[in-house]
Amino acid sequence: MNHVVLHDVRAGFFLMVGLTMLAFICAVAALSTVMRPVRWADRKQAQF
């Protein structure tokens, strides 16, 4: 494998890792939105 092919493989690997991390973060945000759909204004105020 020459230098250009190795560089392209490494760039593709890091691109896939980055896109996977982005998809995971979006999935966690969507799940947290679906699991507790209470708006900030509707929450009970803490009693001190």
N, C-alpha and C. Protein backbone atom coordinates (compact mmCIF):
# COMPACT_ATOMS: atom_id res chain seq x y z
N MET A 1 0.84 -1.19 0.00
CA MET A 1 0.00 0.00 0.00
C MET A 1 0.88 1.25 0.00
N ASN A 2 0.60 2.11 -0.91
CA ASN A 2 1.40 3.33 -0.94
C ASN A 2 0.82 4.36 0.03
N HIS A 3 1.47 5.50 0.10
CA HIS A 3 1.14 6.50 1.12
C HIS A 3 -0.26 7.07 0.93
N VAL A 4 -0.66 7.26 -0.34
CA VAL A 4 -1.96 7.90 -0.61
C VAL A 4 -3.10 6.99 -0.18
N VAL A 5 -2.98 5.70 -0.46
CA VAL A 5 -4.04 4.76 -0.10
C VAL A 5 -4.14 4.64 1.42
N LEU A 6 -3.00 4.59 2.09
CA LEU A 6 -3.01 4.50 3.55
C LEU A 6 -3.63 5.74 4.17
N HIS A 7 -3.33 6.90 3.60
CA HIS A 7 -3.90 8.14 4.10
C HIS A 7 -5.42 8.16 3.90
N ASP A 8 -5.89 7.69 2.74
CA ASP A 8 -7.33 7.66 2.47
C ASP A 8 -8.04 6.70 3.41
N VAL A 9 -7.42 5.55 3.72
CA VAL A 9 -8.04 4.59 4.62
C VAL A 9 -8.14 5.18 6.03
N ARG A 10 -7.07 5.85 6.46
CA ARG A 10 -7.09 6.46 7.79
C ARG A 10 -8.10 7.60 7.86
N ALA A 11 -8.22 8.40 6.82
CA ALA A 11 -9.19 9.48 6.79
C ALA A 11 -10.62 8.93 6.81
N GLY A 12 -10.85 7.87 6.07
CA GLY A 12 -12.17 7.25 6.07
C GLY A 12 -12.52 6.67 7.42
N PHE A 13 -11.53 6.09 8.09
CA PHE A 13 -11.77 5.52 9.42
C PHE A 13 -12.16 6.62 10.40
N PHE A 14 -11.42 7.72 10.42
CA PHE A 14 -11.74 8.80 11.34
C PHE A 14 -13.07 9.46 10.99
N LEU A 15 -13.40 9.53 9.69
CA LEU A 15 -14.69 10.07 9.29
C LEU A 15 -15.82 9.19 9.81
N MET A 16 -15.68 7.87 9.68
CA MET A 16 -16.72 6.96 10.17
C MET A 16 -16.85 7.03 11.70
N VAL A 17 -15.72 7.13 12.40
CA VAL A 17 -15.78 7.25 13.86
C VAL A 17 -16.49 8.55 14.25
N GLY A 18 -16.18 9.64 13.58
CA GLY A 18 -16.82 10.91 13.89
C GLY A 18 -18.32 10.88 13.61
N LEU A 19 -18.71 10.31 12.48
CA LEU A 19 -20.13 10.23 12.16
C LEU A 19 -20.87 9.30 13.11
N THR A 20 -20.21 8.24 13.56
CA THR A 20 -20.83 7.33 14.52
C THR A 20 -21.04 8.03 15.86
N MET A 21 -20.04 8.79 16.30
CA MET A 21 -20.18 9.53 17.56
C MET A 21 -21.30 10.57 17.45
N LEU A 22 -21.40 11.25 16.32
CA LEU A 22 -22.46 12.24 16.11
C LEU A 22 -23.83 11.57 16.14
N ALA A 23 -23.96 10.43 15.49
CA ALA A 23 -25.24 9.71 15.48
C ALA A 23 -25.60 9.23 16.88
N PHE A 24 -24.61 8.79 17.65
CA PHE A 24 -24.86 8.34 19.02
C PHE A 24 -25.35 9.50 19.90
N ILE A 25 -24.70 10.66 19.76
CA ILE A 25 -25.11 11.83 20.55
C ILE A 25 -26.53 12.26 20.18
N CYS A 26 -26.84 12.23 18.89
CA CYS A 26 -28.20 12.60 18.46
C CYS A 26 -29.22 11.59 18.97
N ALA A 27 -28.87 10.31 18.99
CA ALA A 27 -29.80 9.29 19.49
C ALA A 27 -30.05 9.46 20.98
N VAL A 28 -29.01 9.77 21.74
CA VAL A 28 -29.18 9.99 23.18
C VAL A 28 -30.04 11.23 23.43
N ALA A 29 -29.83 12.28 22.66
CA ALA A 29 -30.63 13.49 22.83
C ALA A 29 -32.09 13.23 22.47
N ALA A 30 -32.34 12.46 21.42
CA ALA A 30 -33.71 12.14 21.04
C ALA A 30 -34.38 11.28 22.10
N LEU A 31 -33.66 10.31 22.64
CA LEU A 31 -34.23 9.46 23.68
C LEU A 31 -34.54 10.26 24.94
N SER A 32 -33.65 11.16 25.32
CA SER A 32 -33.90 11.95 26.52
C SER A 32 -35.08 12.89 26.31
N THR A 33 -35.30 13.35 25.08
CA THR A 33 -36.45 14.18 24.79
C THR A 33 -37.74 13.37 24.85
N VAL A 34 -37.71 12.16 24.34
CA VAL A 34 -38.91 11.33 24.31
C VAL A 34 -39.24 10.79 25.70
N MET A 35 -38.23 10.44 26.47
CA MET A 35 -38.48 9.78 27.75
C MET A 35 -39.05 10.74 28.79
N ARG A 36 -38.68 12.01 28.76
CA ARG A 36 -39.26 12.95 29.72
C ARG A 36 -39.65 14.24 28.99
N PRO A 37 -40.85 14.23 28.42
CA PRO A 37 -41.28 15.38 27.61
C PRO A 37 -41.89 16.51 28.45
N VAL A 38 -41.33 16.77 29.62
CA VAL A 38 -41.83 17.84 30.48
C VAL A 38 -41.06 19.11 30.16
N ARG A 39 -41.79 20.16 29.87
CA ARG A 39 -41.12 21.42 29.58
C ARG A 39 -40.59 22.04 30.86
N TRP A 40 -39.60 22.91 30.72
CA TRP A 40 -38.98 23.54 31.88
C TRP A 40 -39.99 24.38 32.66
N ALA A 41 -40.92 25.03 31.97
CA ALA A 41 -41.90 25.90 32.62
C ALA A 41 -42.95 25.10 33.40
N ASP A 42 -43.15 23.83 33.03
CA ASP A 42 -44.18 23.02 33.67
C ASP A 42 -43.66 22.23 34.87
N ARG A 43 -42.38 22.29 35.14
CA ARG A 43 -41.82 21.52 36.25
C ARG A 43 -42.20 22.15 37.58
N LYS A 44 -42.29 21.31 38.61
CA LYS A 44 -42.59 21.83 39.94
C LYS A 44 -41.38 22.60 40.47
N GLN A 45 -41.65 23.69 41.10
CA GLN A 45 -40.58 24.49 41.67
C GLN A 45 -40.11 23.85 42.98
N ALA A 46 -38.83 23.84 43.21
CA ALA A 46 -38.28 23.24 44.43
C ALA A 46 -38.66 24.11 45.64
N GLN A 47 -39.08 23.46 46.69
CA GLN A 47 -39.46 24.17 47.92
C GLN A 47 -38.27 24.18 48.87
N PHE A 48 -37.83 25.37 49.23
CA PHE A 48 -36.70 25.47 50.15
C PHE A 48 -37.16 25.92 51.51
